Amino acid sequence: MIVGQIKDGIVLDHIKAGRGMKIYDTLKLGELDCAVALIVNADSEKMGKKDIIKISGLIDIDLHILGFIDPDVTVNIINDGKVVKREKIALPETITDILKCKNPRCITTVEQELQHVFKLCDEGNKVYRCIYCETKAELESVK
């Protein structure tokens, strides 16, 4: 399969196979007014299989959510057909209003104006916990 080169835009590379659609949905890429290519299960020498997202247009990307969904993602900024910036994603220390606490007894379910804040508690295992009730964040809890 061949997906053409983009002139100006963003390429999200090294996405763990199967997580591309979650990133696509979370970043609301289907609502953009530009071409977006989602490549699933592409062959990769390093990873075996990977997903890739190509966006034909420069948009603002929330790197915090990318770091939570898949911290191994590489963000490539393309200008005039060349990579002008390559950024490796790191795990964010805190994630605000991206995840929703799933604990029905958490204060955020009663006090709706409170921000949903999760803090990185275990970097090795990539564990985030709600700052109010300490419930562990799950990938499915992305708003």
C-alpha atoms as a PDB file:
ATOM      1  CA  MET A   1       0.000   0.000   0.000  1.00  0.00           C
ATOM      2  CA  ILE A   2       1.300   3.435  -0.890  1.00  0.00           C
ATOM      3  CA  VAL A   3       0.066   6.617   0.760  1.00  0.00           C
ATOM      4  CA  GLY A   4       1.430   9.732  -0.891  1.00  0.00           C
ATOM      5  CA  GLN A   5       3.785  12.243   0.603  1.00  0.00           C
ATOM      6  CA  ILE A   6       2.299  15.373   2.154  1.00  0.00           C
ATOM      7  CA  LYS A   7       3.612  18.844   1.382  1.00  0.00           C
ATOM      8  CA  ASP A   8       2.669  20.605   4.622  1.00  0.00           C
ATOM      9  CA  GLY A   9       1.266  18.877   7.661  1.00  0.00           C
ATOM     10  CA  ILE A  10       1.869  16.480  10.513  1.00  0.00           C
ATOM     11  CA  VAL A  11       2.764  12.807  10.611  1.00  0.00           C
ATOM     12  CA  LEU A  12       2.156  10.861  13.809  1.00  0.00           C
ATOM     13  CA  ASP A  13       4.476   7.887  13.553  1.00  0.00           C
ATOM     14  CA  HIS A  14       5.422   4.902  15.736  1.00  0.00           C
ATOM     15  CA  ILE A  15       1.895   4.521  17.104  1.00  0.00           C
ATOM     16  CA  LYS A  16       1.447   1.153  18.796  1.00  0.00           C
ATOM     17  CA  ALA A  17      -0.598  -1.068  16.452  1.00  0.00           C
ATOM     18  CA  GLY A  18      -4.288  -0.724  17.247  1.00  0.00           C
ATOM     19  CA  ARG A  19      -4.071   2.671  18.950  1.00  0.00           C
ATOM     20  CA  GLY A  20      -4.293   4.787  15.786  1.00  0.00           C
ATOM     21  CA  MET A  21      -8.085   4.842  15.771  1.00  0.00           C
ATOM     22  CA  LYS A  22      -8.182   5.906  19.451  1.00  0.00           C
ATOM     23  CA  ILE A  23      -5.870   8.830  18.642  1.00  0.00           C
ATOM     24  CA  TYR A  24      -7.930   9.647  15.528  1.00  0.00           C
ATOM     25  CA  ASP A  25     -11.143   9.763  17.575  1.00  0.00           C
ATOM     26  CA  THR A  26      -9.650  11.575  20.577  1.00  0.00           C
ATOM     27  CA  LEU A  27      -8.079  14.329  18.469  1.00  0.00           C
ATOM     28  CA  LYS A  28     -11.361  14.573  16.486  1.00  0.00           C
ATOM     29  CA  LEU A  29      -9.454  14.287  13.212  1.00  0.00           C
ATOM     30  CA  GLY A  30     -12.639  13.320  11.371  1.00  0.00           C
ATOM     31  CA  GLU A  31     -13.945  16.852  11.957  1.00  0.00           C
ATOM     32  CA  LEU A  32     -10.997  18.523  10.205  1.00  0.00           C
ATOM     33  CA  ASP A  33     -11.374  20.225   6.864  1.00  0.00           C
ATOM     34  CA  CYS A  34      -8.206  18.644   5.466  1.00  0.00           C
ATOM     35  CA  ALA A  35      -7.071  15.226   4.268  1.00  0.00           C
ATOM     36  CA  VAL A  36      -6.240  12.711   7.011  1.00  0.00           C
ATOM     37  CA  ALA A  37      -4.811   9.247   6.358  1.00  0.00           C
ATOM     38  CA  LEU A  38      -4.927   6.555   9.028  1.00  0.00           C
ATOM     39  CA  ILE A  39      -2.660   3.617   8.256  1.00  0.00           C
ATOM     40  CA  VAL A  40      -3.243   0.604  10.475  1.00  0.00           C
ATOM     41  CA  ASN A  41      -0.876  -2.343  10.980  1.00  0.00           C
ATOM     42  CA  ALA A  42       1.907  -1.006   8.772  1.00  0.00           C
ATOM     43  CA  ASP A  43       5.052  -3.143   8.760  1.00  0.00           C
ATOM     44  CA  SER A  44       7.835  -1.792  10.957  1.00  0.00           C
ATOM     45  CA  GLU A  45      11.340  -3.117  11.457  1.00  0.00           C
ATOM     46  CA  LYS A  46      11.506  -1.838  15.061  1.00  0.00           C
ATOM     47  CA  MET A  47       7.937  -2.491  16.197  1.00  0.00           C
ATOM     48  CA  GLY A  48       6.767  -5.337  13.974  1.00  0.00           C
ATOM     49  CA  LYS A  49       3.451  -3.557  13.292  1.00  0.00           C
ATOM     50  CA  LYS A  50       2.534   0.093  13.850  1.00  0.00           C
ATOM     51  CA  ASP A  51      -0.114   2.675  13.010  1.00  0.00           C
ATOM     52  CA  ILE A  52       0.585   5.990  11.272  1.00  0.00           C
ATOM     53  CA  ILE A  53      -1.578   9.111  10.935  1.00  0.00           C
ATOM     54  CA  LYS A  54      -0.871  11.683   8.219  1.00  0.00           C
ATOM     55  CA  ILE A  55      -2.582  15.068   8.430  1.00  0.00           C
ATOM     56  CA  SER A  56      -2.393  17.343   5.399  1.00  0.00           C
ATOM     57  CA  GLY A  57      -2.418  20.651   7.226  1.00  0.00           C
ATOM     58  CA  LEU A  58      -0.815  22.149  10.306  1.00  0.00           C
ATOM     59  CA  ILE A  59      -3.128  21.852  13.295  1.00  0.00           C
ATOM     60  CA  ASP A  60      -2.682  22.264  17.027  1.00  0.00           C
ATOM     61  CA  ILE A  61      -2.214  18.843  18.659  1.00  0.00           C
ATOM     62  CA  ASP A  62      -2.650  18.194  22.374  1.00  0.00           C
ATOM     63  CA  LEU A  63       0.594  16.396  23.120  1.00  0.00           C
ATOM     64  CA  HIS A  64      -0.591  15.566  26.653  1.00  0.00           C
ATOM     65  CA  ILE A  65      -3.273  13.233  25.391  1.00  0.00           C
ATOM     66  CA  LEU A  66      -0.844  11.645  22.924  1.00  0.00           C
ATOM     67  CA  GLY A  67       1.570  10.993  25.791  1.00  0.00           C
ATOM     68  CA  PHE A  68      -1.168   9.193  27.729  1.00  0.00           C
ATOM     69  CA  ILE A  69      -2.548   7.128  24.832  1.00  0.00           C
ATOM     70  CA  ASP A  70       0.864   6.153  23.459  1.00  0.00           C
ATOM     71  CA  PRO A  71       4.041   7.830  24.787  1.00  0.00           C
ATOM     72  CA  ASP A  72       6.119   6.239  22.003  1.00  0.00           C
ATOM     73  CA  VAL A  73       4.491   8.370  19.287  1.00  0.00           C
ATOM     74  CA  THR A  74       6.784  10.557  17.198  1.00  0.00           C
ATOM     75  CA  VAL A  75       5.339  13.841  15.899  1.00  0.00           C
ATOM     76  CA  ASN A  76       6.864  14.957  12.597  1.00  0.00           C
ATOM     77  CA  ILE A  77       6.137  18.469  11.302  1.00  0.00           C
ATOM     78  CA  ILE A  78       6.330  18.583   7.500  1.00  0.00           C
ATOM     79  CA  ASN A  79       7.007  21.792   5.563  1.00  0.00           C
ATOM     80  CA  ASP A  80       7.535  21.822   1.778  1.00  0.00           C
ATOM     81  CA  GLY A  81       7.698  18.016   1.798  1.00  0.00           C
ATOM     82  CA  LYS A  82      10.539  17.867   4.345  1.00  0.00           C
ATOM     83  CA  VAL A  83      10.569  17.057   8.058  1.00  0.00           C
ATOM     84  CA  VAL A  84      11.415  20.359   9.765  1.00  0.00           C
ATOM     85  CA  LYS A  85      10.761  19.216  13.331  1.00  0.00           C
ATOM     86  CA  ARG A  86      10.641  15.802  14.963  1.00  0.00           C
ATOM     87  CA  GLU A  87       9.333  15.582  18.484  1.00  0.00           C
ATOM     88  CA  LYS A  88       9.314  12.538  20.743  1.00  0.00           C
ATOM     89  CA  ILE A  89       6.400  12.453  23.151  1.00  0.00           C
ATOM     90  CA  ALA A  90       6.976  12.100  26.886  1.00  0.00           C
ATOM     91  CA  LEU A  91       4.576  11.101  29.624  1.00  0.00           C
ATOM     92  CA  PRO A  92       2.963  14.256  30.993  1.00  0.00           C
ATOM     93  CA  GLU A  93       3.140  14.813  34.767  1.00  0.00           C
ATOM     94  CA  THR A  94      -0.550  15.760  34.913  1.00  0.00           C
ATOM     95  CA  ILE A  95      -3.497  15.410  32.574  1.00  0.00           C
ATOM     96  CA  THR A  96      -6.328  17.919  32.975  1.00  0.00           C
ATOM     97  CA  ASP A  97      -9.846  17.600  31.527  1.00  0.00           C
ATOM     98  CA  ILE A  98      -8.879  14.901  29.041  1.00  0.00           C
ATOM     99  CA  LEU A  99      -9.760  11.876  31.149  1.00  0.00           C
ATOM    100  CA  LYS A 100     -12.923  11.378  33.141  1.00  0.00           C
ATOM    101  CA  CYS A 101     -12.783   9.691  36.537  1.00  0.00           C
ATOM    102  CA  LYS A 102     -14.793   6.479  36.431  1.00  0.00           C
ATOM    103  CA  ASN A 103     -15.296   6.314  40.214  1.00  0.00           C
ATOM    104  CA  PRO A 104     -18.984   7.117  40.918  1.00  0.00           C
ATOM    105  CA  ARG A 105     -18.038   8.309  44.415  1.00  0.00           C
ATOM    106  CA  CYS A 106     -15.418  10.801  43.164  1.00  0.00           C
ATOM    107  CA  ILE A 107     -16.114  14.461  43.909  1.00  0.00           C
ATOM    108  CA  THR A 108     -15.936  15.205  40.165  1.00  0.00           C
ATOM    109  CA  THR A 109     -19.201  13.340  39.587  1.00  0.00           C
ATOM    110  CA  VAL A 110     -21.029  15.612  42.050  1.00  0.00           C
ATOM    111  CA  GLU A 111     -19.141  18.879  41.558  1.00  0.00           C
ATOM    112  CA  GLN A 112     -19.350  19.062  37.775  1.00  0.00           C
ATOM    113  CA  GLU A 113     -17.397  22.331  37.510  1.00  0.00           C
ATOM    114  CA  LEU A 114     -14.294  20.701  38.998  1.00  0.00           C
ATOM    115  CA  GLN A 115     -11.535  19.876  36.566  1.00  0.00           C
ATOM    116  CA  HIS A 116     -10.718  16.213  36.050  1.00  0.00           C
ATOM    117  CA  VAL A 117      -7.033  16.051  36.974  1.00  0.00           C
ATOM    118  CA  PHE A 118      -4.881  12.932  36.872  1.00  0.00           C
ATOM    119  CA  LYS A 119      -1.294  12.752  38.108  1.00  0.00           C
ATOM    120  CA  LEU A 120       1.457  10.396  36.946  1.00  0.00           C
ATOM    121  CA  CYS A 121       2.111   8.096  39.912  1.00  0.00           C
ATOM    122  CA  ASP A 122       4.181   5.294  38.388  1.00  0.00           C
ATOM    123  CA  GLU A 123       6.221   6.280  35.340  1.00  0.00           C
ATOM    124  CA  GLY A 124       7.556   2.764  34.747  1.00  0.00           C
ATOM    125  CA  ASN A 125       4.064   1.277  34.474  1.00  0.00           C
ATOM    126  CA  LYS A 126       2.505   4.484  33.038  1.00  0.00           C
ATOM    127  CA  VAL A 127      -0.079   4.712  35.819  1.00  0.00           C
ATOM    128  CA  TYR A 128      -2.143   7.876  36.305  1.00  0.00           C
ATOM    129  CA  ARG A 129      -4.444   8.429  39.281  1.00  0.00           C
ATOM    130  CA  CYS A 130      -7.226  10.916  39.982  1.00  0.00           C
ATOM    131  CA  ILE A 131      -5.947  13.616  42.358  1.00  0.00           C
ATOM    132  CA  TYR A 132      -9.244  13.571  44.281  1.00  0.00           C
ATOM    133  CA  CYS A 133      -9.975   9.868  44.833  1.00  0.00           C
ATOM    134  CA  GLU A 134      -6.820   8.131  43.506  1.00  0.00           C
ATOM    135  CA  THR A 135      -8.748   5.968  41.050  1.00  0.00           C
ATOM    136  CA  LYS A 136      -6.459   4.590  38.340  1.00  0.00           C
ATOM    137  CA  ALA A 137      -7.006   6.090  34.876  1.00  0.00           C
ATOM    138  CA  GLU A 138      -7.829   3.725  32.041  1.00  0.00           C
ATOM    139  CA  LEU A 139      -7.412   4.325  28.319  1.00  0.00           C
ATOM    140  CA  GLU A 140     -11.174   3.952  27.959  1.00  0.00           C
ATOM    141  CA  SER A 141     -11.692   6.975  30.265  1.00  0.00           C
ATOM    142  CA  VAL A 142     -10.515   9.441  27.585  1.00  0.00           C
ATOM    143  CA  LYS A 143     -13.345  11.960  27.103  1.00  0.00           C
END
